[in-house]
Amino acid sequence: MLLPLAGLTAAVLLVAVLCLARTRLVLARVEGRSMEPTLLAGERVLVWKGSPRGGMPDRVVVVRRPRDLRSFFTELGVAAAGPGRGGRADDGFGGLLIKRVARVAGERTLECGVAVPEGHLYLLGDNPEQSYDSRSFGYVPPRDVLGVVVVRITREGRWKRVE
């Protein structure tokens, strides 16, 4: 039996949406307390891959860790054991960070009143006492932003938009 034209169109559209979602959406796990109360450790977030246009002030983003601490410590001749789980050598030194775009190029930072340089972002955690952010590693180029957090999935399985 042939599907009616409307059913076939809907099926093709569904396949196209699923393909797009598979290439543009990523699921990530929140670790640490730097984004509390917005995001809690153990929650998952749905990330729309791609750098935010114009910096998207106040958006929560996933960014490559701006400074490779392991290489930094190696250059100093210090073993880079780092804090971590499971004894992996790179624990605490690699991977990704989830931060909020606090300021974009041309805007002044609250901490020191200096304007963010052209082509850079100033990122902060929502929990400043627990956050490794631009106050520590400086400005970040938008090319290091892997995506924008669009939804958080709570530990109870509820989906909530990230503000």
Protein backbone atom coordinates (compact mmCIF):
# COMPACT_ATOMS: atom_id res chain seq x y z
CA MET A 1 0.00 0.00 0.00
CA LEU A 2 1.34 3.41 -0.96
CA LEU A 3 1.54 6.20 1.55
CA PRO A 4 -0.52 9.26 0.72
CA LEU A 5 1.54 12.20 -0.52
CA ALA A 6 1.11 14.10 2.79
CA GLY A 7 2.37 11.07 4.77
CA LEU A 8 5.36 10.66 2.47
CA THR A 9 6.19 14.36 2.78
CA ALA A 10 5.97 14.16 6.56
CA ALA A 11 8.24 11.09 6.61
CA VAL A 12 10.84 12.80 4.42
CA LEU A 13 10.67 15.92 6.58
CA LEU A 14 11.12 13.83 9.74
CA VAL A 15 14.19 12.09 8.28
CA ALA A 16 15.66 15.47 7.27
CA VAL A 17 15.09 16.90 10.78
CA LEU A 18 16.67 13.83 12.39
CA CYS A 19 19.70 14.08 10.10
CA LEU A 20 20.09 17.77 10.90
CA ALA A 21 19.74 17.12 14.63
CA ARG A 22 22.32 14.36 14.46
CA THR A 23 24.89 16.65 12.84
CA ARG A 24 24.10 19.83 14.82
CA LEU A 25 23.11 18.67 18.32
CA VAL A 26 25.36 17.13 20.95
CA LEU A 27 24.58 15.84 24.42
CA ALA A 28 27.12 16.80 27.13
CA ARG A 29 27.39 16.10 30.85
CA VAL A 30 27.89 18.90 33.38
CA GLU A 31 30.78 18.35 35.77
CA GLY A 32 31.68 20.62 38.65
CA ARG A 33 29.90 23.50 40.33
CA SER A 34 31.05 26.47 38.23
CA MET A 35 27.67 27.03 36.55
CA GLU A 36 25.44 26.65 39.63
CA PRO A 37 22.60 27.44 40.03
CA THR A 38 21.93 27.44 36.26
CA LEU A 39 23.44 23.99 35.68
CA LEU A 40 24.12 21.35 38.33
CA ALA A 41 26.80 18.67 38.31
CA GLY A 42 25.45 15.46 36.83
CA GLU A 43 22.89 17.14 34.62
CA ARG A 44 23.07 16.84 30.86
CA VAL A 45 22.83 19.65 28.35
CA LEU A 46 21.83 19.70 24.71
CA VAL A 47 24.32 21.78 22.72
CA TRP A 48 23.73 23.33 19.29
CA LYS A 49 27.10 22.97 17.57
CA GLY A 50 28.70 26.08 16.13
CA SER A 51 30.17 29.34 17.32
CA PRO A 52 27.65 31.98 18.42
CA ARG A 53 27.18 34.82 15.96
CA GLY A 54 28.26 38.17 17.35
CA GLY A 55 29.26 36.53 20.62
CA MET A 56 25.65 36.15 21.78
CA PRO A 57 26.03 37.95 25.11
CA ASP A 58 24.62 36.11 28.10
CA ARG A 59 24.39 32.74 26.28
CA VAL A 60 25.81 29.62 27.90
CA VAL A 61 28.41 28.02 25.65
CA VAL A 62 30.68 24.99 25.50
CA VAL A 63 34.27 26.02 24.83
CA ARG A 64 37.61 24.27 24.42
CA ARG A 65 39.69 24.67 27.55
CA PRO A 66 41.67 27.80 26.63
CA ARG A 67 44.92 26.79 28.26
CA ASP A 68 46.47 23.38 28.18
CA LEU A 69 47.62 23.19 31.80
CA ARG A 70 49.36 19.87 31.30
CA SER A 71 51.65 21.37 28.65
CA PHE A 72 52.19 24.43 30.83
CA PHE A 73 53.28 22.32 33.79
CA THR A 74 55.40 20.07 31.58
CA GLU A 75 57.27 23.15 30.32
CA LEU A 76 57.95 24.06 33.94
CA GLY A 77 59.23 20.55 34.63
CA VAL A 78 56.38 19.72 37.01
CA ALA A 79 54.49 16.44 36.74
CA ALA A 80 50.94 17.07 35.54
CA ALA A 81 49.12 14.51 37.64
CA GLY A 82 46.17 16.80 38.31
CA PRO A 83 43.13 16.11 40.42
CA GLY A 84 40.82 13.59 38.97
CA ARG A 85 38.93 10.36 38.80
CA GLY A 86 40.23 6.97 37.88
CA GLY A 87 43.90 7.90 37.79
CA ARG A 88 43.88 9.11 34.19
CA ALA A 89 46.89 11.29 33.43
CA ASP A 90 44.84 14.08 31.87
CA ASP A 91 42.23 14.43 34.62
CA GLY A 92 41.62 18.06 35.44
CA PHE A 93 43.63 19.34 32.49
CA GLY A 94 41.87 18.70 29.22
CA GLY A 95 38.52 18.78 27.59
CA LEU A 96 35.77 21.33 27.53
CA LEU A 97 34.29 24.01 29.74
CA ILE A 98 30.72 25.28 30.03
CA LYS A 99 30.62 29.06 30.63
CA ARG A 100 28.43 32.11 30.06
CA VAL A 101 29.40 34.77 27.52
CA ALA A 102 29.67 37.72 29.91
CA ARG A 103 31.10 40.29 27.49
CA VAL A 104 31.81 40.52 23.76
CA ALA A 105 34.35 42.56 21.80
CA GLY A 106 34.28 46.23 22.75
CA GLU A 107 32.39 45.78 26.03
CA ARG A 108 34.19 46.56 29.27
CA THR A 109 34.72 43.86 31.88
CA LEU A 110 33.34 44.49 35.35
CA GLU A 111 36.45 43.14 37.04
CA CYS A 112 39.00 45.57 35.60
CA GLY A 113 37.08 47.89 33.28
CA VAL A 114 39.17 46.96 30.21
CA ALA A 115 37.42 46.51 26.88
CA VAL A 116 37.33 42.99 25.45
CA PRO A 117 39.60 42.95 22.36
CA GLU A 118 38.15 42.64 18.87
CA GLY A 119 37.48 39.02 17.91
CA HIS A 120 37.30 37.73 21.50
CA LEU A 121 34.82 36.83 24.22
CA TYR A 122 34.96 37.15 28.01
CA LEU A 123 33.49 34.06 29.68
CA LEU A 124 32.39 33.64 33.29
CA GLY A 125 30.92 30.84 35.38
CA ASP A 126 27.66 31.59 37.18
CA ASN A 127 29.28 30.49 40.48
CA PRO A 128 32.38 32.75 40.65
CA GLU A 129 33.88 31.12 43.74
CA GLN A 130 33.94 27.72 42.00
CA SER A 131 34.76 28.78 38.44
CA TYR A 132 37.81 28.58 36.21
CA ASP A 133 36.93 31.25 33.65
CA SER A 134 38.23 34.35 31.80
CA ARG A 135 39.35 35.84 35.10
CA SER A 136 41.94 33.04 35.08
CA PHE A 137 42.63 32.32 31.41
CA GLY A 138 41.75 35.61 29.70
CA TYR A 139 39.82 36.26 26.49
CA VAL A 140 38.65 33.48 24.18
CA PRO A 141 38.33 33.64 20.39
CA PRO A 142 34.87 32.58 19.12
CA ARG A 143 36.51 29.79 17.08
CA ASP A 144 37.11 27.98 20.40
CA VAL A 145 33.37 27.92 21.11
CA LEU A 146 32.05 24.52 20.11
CA GLY A 147 28.39 25.27 20.63
CA VAL A 148 25.58 26.99 22.51
CA VAL A 149 23.69 25.23 25.32
CA VAL A 150 19.99 25.25 24.43
CA VAL A 151 18.42 22.80 26.88
CA ARG A 152 19.33 21.30 30.23
CA ILE A 153 18.11 17.89 31.22
CA THR A 154 17.70 17.70 34.98
CA ARG A 155 18.62 14.64 37.02
CA GLU A 156 14.90 13.86 37.14
CA GLY A 157 14.73 13.85 33.34
CA ARG A 158 12.91 17.17 32.90
CA TRP A 159 13.90 19.33 29.93
CA LYS A 160 14.35 23.05 30.65
CA ARG A 161 15.42 25.90 28.44
CA VAL A 162 18.73 27.46 29.49
CA GLU A 163 18.56 31.18 30.16
